[in-house]
Amino acid sequence: MKNVTECQQELIRLGFLSPTQPDGSPSDDGRAGQLTFAAFNRFLANRGKPPVDPGDFTLAAINAALWPEPVVKTSIFNQIGAVVSIINLLKGKTMTNDQIAGLVRTILASLLAYVAGKGWIPNASPELIASLTTVVVAVWSWVSNRPKTITKIGQ
């Protein structure tokens, strides 16, 4: 969980909190006062969410809004395939290179989505990372599964 100063710095970075207070002192002073409260509610309003009451203005609420937990969206078929592959490995069965590559693609996509959602990749939006991950995994899947030989129609 990030501290108040880090939350204030994020609100400043996003443009919802002025870097300096009216008296000229820095806004990222580590105290969640009226200016931070107002900036946080502007942030929520910008995202289409209702404002919080002063009693609900907690560090946990600020963290949850500024850095939401990632939602990893993988198809149920990928998840089932990954579980089946792991069970087969535990039973001592071997996997083909295609099965291993599919398992690695699924795990990497999930990990990258988690890392992006946690905000561990600086200056990158989770939406952009998720989009790029989807494209990379789709291309990787296509390259891995494309036919090795191409035959012309009519031959």
N, C-alpha and C. Protein backbone atom coordinates (compact mmCIF):
# COMPACT_ATOMS: atom_id res chain seq x y z
N MET A 1 0.84 -1.17 0.00
CA MET A 1 0.00 0.00 0.00
C MET A 1 0.89 1.24 0.00
N LYS A 2 0.53 2.18 -0.83
CA LYS A 2 1.31 3.42 -0.94
C LYS A 2 0.91 4.36 0.19
N ASN A 3 1.86 5.21 0.59
CA ASN A 3 1.58 6.16 1.68
C ASN A 3 0.90 7.41 1.13
N VAL A 4 0.52 8.32 2.03
CA VAL A 4 -0.23 9.51 1.64
C VAL A 4 0.56 10.36 0.66
N THR A 5 1.86 10.53 0.91
CA THR A 5 2.69 11.34 0.02
C THR A 5 2.68 10.78 -1.40
N GLU A 6 2.82 9.46 -1.52
CA GLU A 6 2.81 8.83 -2.85
C GLU A 6 1.45 9.01 -3.53
N CYS A 7 0.38 8.93 -2.75
CA CYS A 7 -0.96 9.15 -3.30
C CYS A 7 -1.11 10.59 -3.78
N GLN A 8 -0.60 11.53 -3.00
CA GLN A 8 -0.66 12.93 -3.39
C GLN A 8 0.17 13.17 -4.67
N GLN A 9 1.33 12.55 -4.75
CA GLN A 9 2.17 12.69 -5.94
C GLN A 9 1.46 12.14 -7.18
N GLU A 10 0.72 11.05 -7.01
CA GLU A 10 -0.03 10.49 -8.13
C GLU A 10 -1.16 11.43 -8.54
N LEU A 11 -1.85 12.01 -7.57
CA LEU A 11 -2.91 12.97 -7.88
C LEU A 11 -2.34 14.21 -8.58
N ILE A 12 -1.14 14.62 -8.18
CA ILE A 12 -0.46 15.74 -8.85
C ILE A 12 -0.11 15.34 -10.28
N ARG A 13 0.47 14.15 -10.44
CA ARG A 13 0.87 13.67 -11.76
C ARG A 13 -0.33 13.59 -12.71
N LEU A 14 -1.47 13.19 -12.18
CA LEU A 14 -2.68 13.05 -12.99
C LEU A 14 -3.39 14.38 -13.23
N GLY A 15 -2.95 15.44 -12.52
CA GLY A 15 -3.51 16.77 -12.73
C GLY A 15 -4.71 17.11 -11.86
N PHE A 16 -4.96 16.33 -10.82
CA PHE A 16 -6.10 16.60 -9.94
C PHE A 16 -5.72 17.38 -8.69
N LEU A 17 -4.44 17.46 -8.39
CA LEU A 17 -3.95 18.18 -7.21
C LEU A 17 -2.85 19.12 -7.67
N SER A 18 -2.96 20.36 -7.27
CA SER A 18 -1.93 21.35 -7.62
C SER A 18 -0.63 20.99 -6.90
N PRO A 19 0.52 21.17 -7.53
CA PRO A 19 1.79 20.84 -6.86
C PRO A 19 2.05 21.68 -5.61
N THR A 20 1.46 22.88 -5.57
CA THR A 20 1.65 23.73 -4.38
C THR A 20 0.29 24.16 -3.83
N GLN A 21 0.28 24.36 -2.51
CA GLN A 21 -0.91 24.83 -1.83
C GLN A 21 -1.00 26.34 -1.98
N PRO A 22 -2.14 26.94 -1.67
CA PRO A 22 -2.29 28.40 -1.80
C PRO A 22 -1.22 29.19 -1.04
N ASP A 23 -0.71 28.63 0.05
CA ASP A 23 0.33 29.35 0.81
C ASP A 23 1.73 29.12 0.25
N GLY A 24 1.84 28.37 -0.85
CA GLY A 24 3.14 28.15 -1.48
C GLY A 24 3.85 26.88 -1.04
N SER A 25 3.34 26.20 -0.01
CA SER A 25 3.97 24.97 0.44
C SER A 25 3.60 23.82 -0.50
N PRO A 26 4.44 22.78 -0.55
CA PRO A 26 4.15 21.66 -1.45
C PRO A 26 2.89 20.90 -1.04
N SER A 27 2.16 20.43 -2.03
CA SER A 27 0.91 19.69 -1.76
C SER A 27 1.18 18.25 -1.34
N ASP A 28 2.35 17.71 -1.70
CA ASP A 28 2.66 16.33 -1.32
C ASP A 28 3.38 16.31 0.03
N ASP A 29 2.64 16.78 1.05
CA ASP A 29 3.22 16.91 2.39
C ASP A 29 2.94 15.71 3.30
N GLY A 30 2.23 14.70 2.79
CA GLY A 30 1.96 13.51 3.60
C GLY A 30 0.76 13.63 4.51
N ARG A 31 0.05 14.74 4.42
CA ARG A 31 -1.16 14.93 5.24
C ARG A 31 -2.37 14.94 4.32
N ALA A 32 -3.30 14.06 4.57
CA ALA A 32 -4.50 13.96 3.74
C ALA A 32 -5.53 14.96 4.24
N GLY A 33 -5.37 16.21 3.84
CA GLY A 33 -6.27 17.28 4.28
C GLY A 33 -7.34 17.58 3.25
N GLN A 34 -7.91 18.79 3.38
CA GLN A 34 -9.02 19.21 2.52
C GLN A 34 -8.63 19.25 1.04
N LEU A 35 -7.42 19.75 0.72
CA LEU A 35 -7.02 19.83 -0.68
C LEU A 35 -6.88 18.44 -1.30
N THR A 36 -6.31 17.51 -0.56
CA THR A 36 -6.17 16.14 -1.06
C THR A 36 -7.54 15.49 -1.20
N PHE A 37 -8.41 15.75 -0.22
CA PHE A 37 -9.77 15.22 -0.26
C PHE A 37 -10.51 15.72 -1.50
N ALA A 38 -10.42 17.02 -1.77
CA ALA A 38 -11.09 17.61 -2.94
C ALA A 38 -10.50 17.05 -4.24
N ALA A 39 -9.17 16.92 -4.28
CA ALA A 39 -8.52 16.38 -5.47
C ALA A 39 -8.95 14.93 -5.71
N PHE A 40 -9.04 14.16 -4.64
CA PHE A 40 -9.45 12.76 -4.77
C PHE A 40 -10.87 12.66 -5.30
N ASN A 41 -11.76 13.51 -4.83
CA ASN A 41 -13.14 13.48 -5.32
C ASN A 41 -13.22 13.95 -6.77
N ARG A 42 -12.35 14.88 -7.18
CA ARG A 42 -12.29 15.27 -8.60
C ARG A 42 -11.83 14.07 -9.44
N PHE A 43 -10.85 13.34 -8.93
CA PHE A 43 -10.36 12.14 -9.61
C PHE A 43 -11.50 11.14 -9.79
N LEU A 44 -12.26 10.89 -8.72
CA LEU A 44 -13.38 9.96 -8.79
C LEU A 44 -14.44 10.43 -9.78
N ALA A 45 -14.77 11.72 -9.74
CA ALA A 45 -15.77 12.28 -10.65
C ALA A 45 -15.33 12.12 -12.10
N ASN A 46 -14.05 12.32 -12.35
CA ASN A 46 -13.50 12.15 -13.70
C ASN A 46 -13.66 10.73 -14.20
N ARG A 47 -13.70 9.79 -13.29
CA ARG A 47 -13.84 8.37 -13.65
C ARG A 47 -15.30 7.91 -13.59
N GLY A 48 -16.22 8.87 -13.36
CA GLY A 48 -17.63 8.54 -13.33
C GLY A 48 -18.08 7.89 -12.04
N LYS A 49 -17.32 8.06 -10.97
CA LYS A 49 -17.65 7.44 -9.69
C LYS A 49 -18.15 8.52 -8.73
N PRO A 50 -19.00 8.13 -7.77
CA PRO A 50 -19.52 9.12 -6.82
C PRO A 50 -18.43 9.57 -5.84
N PRO A 51 -18.56 10.78 -5.32
CA PRO A 51 -17.56 11.26 -4.36
C PRO A 51 -17.66 10.48 -3.05
N VAL A 52 -16.56 10.47 -2.30
CA VAL A 52 -16.56 9.82 -0.99
C VAL A 52 -16.88 10.85 0.08
N ASP A 53 -17.48 10.38 1.15
CA ASP A 53 -17.72 11.23 2.32
C ASP A 53 -16.43 11.32 3.12
N PRO A 54 -16.27 12.37 3.91
CA PRO A 54 -15.05 12.49 4.70
C PRO A 54 -14.77 11.26 5.57
N GLY A 55 -15.81 10.60 6.05
CA GLY A 55 -15.61 9.41 6.89
C GLY A 55 -15.07 8.22 6.12
N ASP A 56 -15.27 8.22 4.81
CA ASP A 56 -14.79 7.12 3.96
C ASP A 56 -13.48 7.45 3.27
N PHE A 57 -12.93 8.62 3.56
CA PHE A 57 -11.68 9.08 2.94
C PHE A 57 -10.51 8.48 3.72
N THR A 58 -10.16 7.25 3.33
CA THR A 58 -9.08 6.53 4.01
C THR A 58 -7.95 6.25 3.03
N LEU A 59 -6.80 5.93 3.57
CA LEU A 59 -5.65 5.59 2.73
C LEU A 59 -5.97 4.37 1.88
N ALA A 60 -6.68 3.42 2.46
CA ALA A 60 -7.05 2.21 1.70
C ALA A 60 -7.96 2.58 0.52
N ALA A 61 -8.91 3.50 0.73
CA ALA A 61 -9.82 3.92 -0.34
C ALA A 61 -9.05 4.64 -1.45
N ILE A 62 -8.10 5.49 -1.06
CA ILE A 62 -7.31 6.22 -2.06
C ILE A 62 -6.49 5.22 -2.88
N ASN A 63 -5.82 4.29 -2.21
CA ASN A 63 -5.01 3.30 -2.89
C ASN A 63 -5.85 2.45 -3.83
N ALA A 64 -7.02 2.02 -3.37
CA ALA A 64 -7.89 1.17 -4.19
C ALA A 64 -8.34 1.90 -5.45
N ALA A 65 -8.57 3.20 -5.36
CA ALA A 65 -9.02 3.96 -6.52
C ALA A 65 -7.87 4.30 -7.46
N LEU A 66 -6.72 4.70 -6.90
CA LEU A 66 -5.60 5.09 -7.74
C LEU A 66 -4.87 3.90 -8.37
N TRP A 67 -4.81 2.80 -7.64
CA TRP A 67 -4.10 1.61 -8.12
C TRP A 67 -5.00 0.39 -7.91
N PRO A 68 -6.04 0.25 -8.74
CA PRO A 68 -6.95 -0.88 -8.56
C PRO A 68 -6.26 -2.21 -8.83
N GLU A 69 -6.74 -3.24 -8.18
CA GLU A 69 -6.21 -4.58 -8.40
C GLU A 69 -6.49 -4.98 -9.84
N PRO A 70 -5.57 -5.65 -10.47
CA PRO A 70 -5.77 -6.01 -11.87
C PRO A 70 -6.86 -7.06 -12.04
N VAL A 71 -7.53 -6.97 -13.14
CA VAL A 71 -8.51 -7.98 -13.52
C VAL A 71 -7.89 -8.74 -14.68
N VAL A 72 -7.48 -9.97 -14.41
CA VAL A 72 -6.84 -10.78 -15.43
C VAL A 72 -7.93 -11.52 -16.18
N LYS A 73 -8.01 -11.24 -17.47
CA LYS A 73 -9.05 -11.88 -18.30
C LYS A 73 -8.38 -12.87 -19.24
N THR A 74 -8.50 -14.11 -18.90
CA THR A 74 -8.06 -15.15 -19.82
C THR A 74 -9.25 -16.07 -20.05
N SER A 75 -9.29 -16.65 -21.22
CA SER A 75 -10.45 -17.48 -21.51
C SER A 75 -10.43 -18.72 -20.62
N ILE A 76 -11.58 -19.24 -20.36
CA ILE A 76 -11.71 -20.43 -19.53
C ILE A 76 -11.00 -21.61 -20.19
N PHE A 77 -10.95 -21.61 -21.52
CA PHE A 77 -10.29 -22.70 -22.22
C PHE A 77 -8.78 -22.67 -21.99
N ASN A 78 -8.19 -21.46 -21.97
CA ASN A 78 -6.77 -21.35 -21.67
C ASN A 78 -6.48 -21.82 -20.24
N GLN A 79 -7.34 -21.43 -19.32
CA GLN A 79 -7.14 -21.81 -17.93
C GLN A 79 -7.27 -23.32 -17.76
N ILE A 80 -8.27 -23.91 -18.39
CA ILE A 80 -8.46 -25.36 -18.30
C ILE A 80 -7.27 -26.07 -18.95
N GLY A 81 -6.83 -25.57 -20.10
CA GLY A 81 -5.68 -26.18 -20.78
C GLY A 81 -4.43 -26.11 -19.93
N ALA A 82 -4.21 -24.99 -19.24
CA ALA A 82 -3.04 -24.85 -18.38
C ALA A 82 -3.12 -25.82 -17.21
N VAL A 83 -4.30 -25.95 -16.61
CA VAL A 83 -4.47 -26.88 -15.48
C VAL A 83 -4.26 -28.32 -15.93
N VAL A 84 -4.81 -28.68 -17.09
CA VAL A 84 -4.64 -30.04 -17.60
C VAL A 84 -3.16 -30.33 -17.87
N SER A 85 -2.45 -29.35 -18.45
CA SER A 85 -1.03 -29.53 -18.73
C SER A 85 -0.24 -29.74 -17.44
N ILE A 86 -0.53 -28.98 -16.43
CA ILE A 86 0.18 -29.12 -15.15
C ILE A 86 -0.13 -30.47 -14.51
N ILE A 87 -1.40 -30.88 -14.57
CA ILE A 87 -1.77 -32.20 -14.02
C ILE A 87 -1.02 -33.30 -14.76
N ASN A 88 -0.94 -33.21 -16.09
CA ASN A 88 -0.21 -34.21 -16.86
C ASN A 88 1.26 -34.24 -16.48
N LEU A 89 1.84 -33.07 -16.24
CA LEU A 89 3.25 -33.03 -15.81
C LEU A 89 3.41 -33.72 -14.46
N LEU A 90 2.48 -33.46 -13.56
CA LEU A 90 2.56 -34.07 -12.23
C LEU A 90 2.39 -35.59 -12.31
N LYS A 91 1.65 -36.07 -13.31
CA LYS A 91 1.47 -37.51 -13.50
C LYS A 91 2.68 -38.14 -14.18
N GLY A 92 3.64 -37.31 -14.57
CA GLY A 92 4.83 -37.84 -15.21
C GLY A 92 4.75 -37.92 -16.72
N LYS A 93 3.70 -37.38 -17.31
CA LYS A 93 3.58 -37.39 -18.76
C LYS A 93 4.43 -36.26 -19.35
N THR A 94 4.85 -36.44 -20.57
CA THR A 94 5.64 -35.40 -21.22
C THR A 94 4.73 -34.50 -22.03
N MET A 95 5.23 -33.32 -22.34
CA MET A 95 4.47 -32.36 -23.12
C MET A 95 5.20 -32.09 -24.42
N THR A 96 4.42 -31.79 -25.45
CA THR A 96 5.03 -31.41 -26.73
C THR A 96 5.49 -29.96 -26.64
N ASN A 97 6.31 -29.56 -27.59
CA ASN A 97 6.77 -28.17 -27.62
C ASN A 97 5.60 -27.21 -27.78
N ASP A 98 4.59 -27.58 -28.56
CA ASP A 98 3.42 -26.73 -28.73
C ASP A 98 2.66 -26.56 -27.41
N GLN A 99 2.55 -27.64 -26.64
CA GLN A 99 1.86 -27.55 -25.35
C GLN A 99 2.64 -26.66 -24.38
N ILE A 100 3.96 -26.81 -24.37
CA ILE A 100 4.79 -25.98 -23.49
C ILE A 100 4.68 -24.51 -23.89
N ALA A 101 4.74 -24.23 -25.20
CA ALA A 101 4.63 -22.85 -25.67
C ALA A 101 3.27 -22.26 -25.30
N GLY A 102 2.21 -23.04 -25.42
CA GLY A 102 0.87 -22.57 -25.04
C GLY A 102 0.78 -22.26 -23.56
N LEU A 103 1.38 -23.13 -22.75
CA LEU A 103 1.38 -22.90 -21.31
C LEU A 103 2.17 -21.64 -20.96
N VAL A 104 3.32 -21.47 -21.58
CA VAL A 104 4.15 -20.28 -21.34
C VAL A 104 3.40 -19.02 -21.77
N ARG A 105 2.72 -19.04 -22.93
CA ARG A 105 1.95 -17.89 -23.39
C ARG A 105 0.87 -17.51 -22.38
N THR A 106 0.17 -18.49 -21.87
CA THR A 106 -0.91 -18.23 -20.90
C THR A 106 -0.36 -17.63 -19.62
N ILE A 107 0.72 -18.20 -19.12
CA ILE A 107 1.31 -17.70 -17.87
C ILE A 107 1.88 -16.30 -18.06
N LEU A 108 2.60 -16.06 -19.16
CA LEU A 108 3.17 -14.74 -19.40
C LEU A 108 2.09 -13.67 -19.55
N ALA A 109 1.02 -13.99 -20.25
CA ALA A 109 -0.07 -13.03 -20.42
C ALA A 109 -0.69 -12.68 -19.06
N SER A 110 -0.89 -13.68 -18.23
CA SER A 110 -1.47 -13.44 -16.90
C SER A 110 -0.52 -12.63 -16.03
N LEU A 111 0.76 -12.97 -16.05
CA LEU A 111 1.74 -12.23 -15.24
C LEU A 111 1.87 -10.79 -15.69
N LEU A 112 1.93 -10.55 -16.99
CA LEU A 112 2.06 -9.19 -17.49
C LEU A 112 0.84 -8.35 -17.14
N ALA A 113 -0.34 -8.94 -17.23
CA ALA A 113 -1.55 -8.22 -16.84
C ALA A 113 -1.52 -7.88 -15.35
N TYR A 114 -1.04 -8.80 -14.54
CA TYR A 114 -0.95 -8.56 -13.10
C TYR A 114 0.05 -7.44 -12.81
N VAL A 115 1.22 -7.50 -13.43
CA VAL A 115 2.26 -6.48 -13.21
C VAL A 115 1.77 -5.11 -13.65
N ALA A 116 1.09 -5.04 -14.80
CA ALA A 116 0.57 -3.76 -15.27
C ALA A 116 -0.50 -3.22 -14.34
N GLY A 117 -1.38 -4.10 -13.89
CA GLY A 117 -2.44 -3.68 -12.97
C GLY A 117 -1.92 -3.20 -11.64
N LYS A 118 -0.81 -3.76 -11.19
CA LYS A 118 -0.19 -3.32 -9.94
C LYS A 118 0.52 -1.99 -10.09
N GLY A 119 0.74 -1.54 -11.33
CA GLY A 119 1.43 -0.28 -11.56
C GLY A 119 2.94 -0.40 -11.46
N TRP A 120 3.46 -1.60 -11.61
CA TRP A 120 4.90 -1.81 -11.49
C TRP A 120 5.65 -1.43 -12.75
N ILE A 121 4.94 -1.13 -13.81
CA ILE A 121 5.57 -0.65 -15.04
C ILE A 121 5.32 0.85 -15.08
N PRO A 122 6.36 1.65 -14.83
CA PRO A 122 6.15 3.09 -14.72
C PRO A 122 5.70 3.72 -16.04
N ASN A 123 4.85 4.73 -15.91
CA ASN A 123 4.37 5.53 -17.05
C ASN A 123 3.68 4.70 -18.13
N ALA A 124 3.04 3.63 -17.76
CA ALA A 124 2.31 2.81 -18.73
C ALA A 124 0.91 2.54 -18.19
N SER A 125 -0.08 2.73 -19.04
CA SER A 125 -1.44 2.48 -18.59
C SER A 125 -1.73 0.98 -18.67
N PRO A 126 -2.48 0.44 -17.70
CA PRO A 126 -2.82 -0.97 -17.75
C PRO A 126 -3.57 -1.36 -19.03
N GLU A 127 -4.38 -0.42 -19.55
CA GLU A 127 -5.12 -0.71 -20.78
C GLU A 127 -4.17 -0.93 -21.95
N LEU A 128 -3.13 -0.07 -22.04
CA LEU A 128 -2.16 -0.21 -23.12
C LEU A 128 -1.39 -1.52 -23.00
N ILE A 129 -0.96 -1.84 -21.79
CA ILE A 129 -0.21 -3.08 -21.57
C ILE A 129 -1.09 -4.29 -21.91
N ALA A 130 -2.35 -4.25 -21.48
CA ALA A 130 -3.26 -5.37 -21.78
C ALA A 130 -3.47 -5.51 -23.28
N SER A 131 -3.62 -4.40 -23.98
CA SER A 131 -3.80 -4.45 -25.42
C SER A 131 -2.57 -5.02 -26.12
N LEU A 132 -1.40 -4.52 -25.73
CA LEU A 132 -0.16 -5.02 -26.33
C LEU A 132 0.04 -6.50 -26.03
N THR A 133 -0.27 -6.90 -24.80
CA THR A 133 -0.13 -8.30 -24.43
C THR A 133 -1.02 -9.17 -25.30
N THR A 134 -2.25 -8.74 -25.50
CA THR A 134 -3.18 -9.50 -26.32
C THR A 134 -2.67 -9.65 -27.75
N VAL A 135 -2.15 -8.57 -28.31
CA VAL A 135 -1.63 -8.62 -29.67
C VAL A 135 -0.42 -9.55 -29.75
N VAL A 136 0.51 -9.42 -28.79
CA VAL A 136 1.71 -10.26 -28.81
C VAL A 136 1.34 -11.73 -28.67
N VAL A 137 0.44 -12.05 -27.75
CA VAL A 137 0.04 -13.45 -27.55
C VAL A 137 -0.68 -13.98 -28.79
N ALA A 138 -1.52 -13.15 -29.40
CA ALA A 138 -2.23 -13.58 -30.61
C ALA A 138 -1.25 -13.87 -31.75
N VAL A 139 -0.29 -12.97 -31.95
CA VAL A 139 0.72 -13.19 -33.01
C VAL A 139 1.55 -14.43 -32.69
N TRP A 140 1.96 -14.56 -31.44
CA TRP A 140 2.74 -15.72 -31.02
C TRP A 140 1.97 -17.01 -31.29
N SER A 141 0.68 -17.01 -30.94
CA SER A 141 -0.15 -18.19 -31.17
C SER A 141 -0.26 -18.50 -32.65
N TRP A 142 -0.47 -17.45 -33.46
CA TRP A 142 -0.60 -17.66 -34.90
C TRP A 142 0.70 -18.23 -35.48
N VAL A 143 1.84 -17.63 -35.09
CA VAL A 143 3.13 -18.11 -35.60
C VAL A 143 3.37 -19.55 -35.16
N SER A 144 3.03 -19.87 -33.93
CA SER A 144 3.26 -21.23 -33.41
C SER A 144 2.38 -22.27 -34.08
N ASN A 145 1.19 -21.87 -34.48
CA ASN A 145 0.22 -22.84 -34.98
C ASN A 145 -0.02 -22.78 -36.48
N ARG A 146 0.70 -21.94 -37.20
CA ARG A 146 0.47 -21.85 -38.64
C ARG A 146 1.00 -23.11 -39.33
N PRO A 147 0.43 -23.44 -40.46
CA PRO A 147 0.90 -24.63 -41.18
C PRO A 147 2.36 -24.46 -41.61
N LYS A 148 3.09 -25.55 -41.57
CA LYS A 148 4.51 -25.51 -41.92
C LYS A 148 4.71 -25.41 -43.43
N THR A 149 3.77 -25.96 -44.19
CA THR A 149 3.87 -25.89 -45.65
C THR A 149 2.61 -25.25 -46.19
N ILE A 150 2.77 -24.55 -47.27
CA ILE A 150 1.63 -23.90 -47.91
C ILE A 150 1.42 -24.56 -49.27
N THR A 151 0.22 -25.02 -49.50
CA THR A 151 -0.08 -25.63 -50.80
C THR A 151 -1.03 -24.72 -51.55
N LYS A 152 -0.80 -24.62 -52.83
CA LYS A 152 -1.67 -23.79 -53.65
C LYS A 152 -2.94 -24.56 -53.97
N ILE A 153 -4.00 -23.83 -54.07
CA ILE A 153 -5.29 -24.45 -54.40
C ILE A 153 -5.22 -25.00 -55.81
N GLY A 154 -5.70 -26.21 -55.98
CA GLY A 154 -5.72 -26.84 -57.28
C GLY A 154 -4.50 -27.72 -57.53
N GLN A 155 -3.65 -27.89 -56.57
CA GLN A 155 -2.48 -28.76 -56.75
C GLN A 155 -2.63 -30.02 -55.97
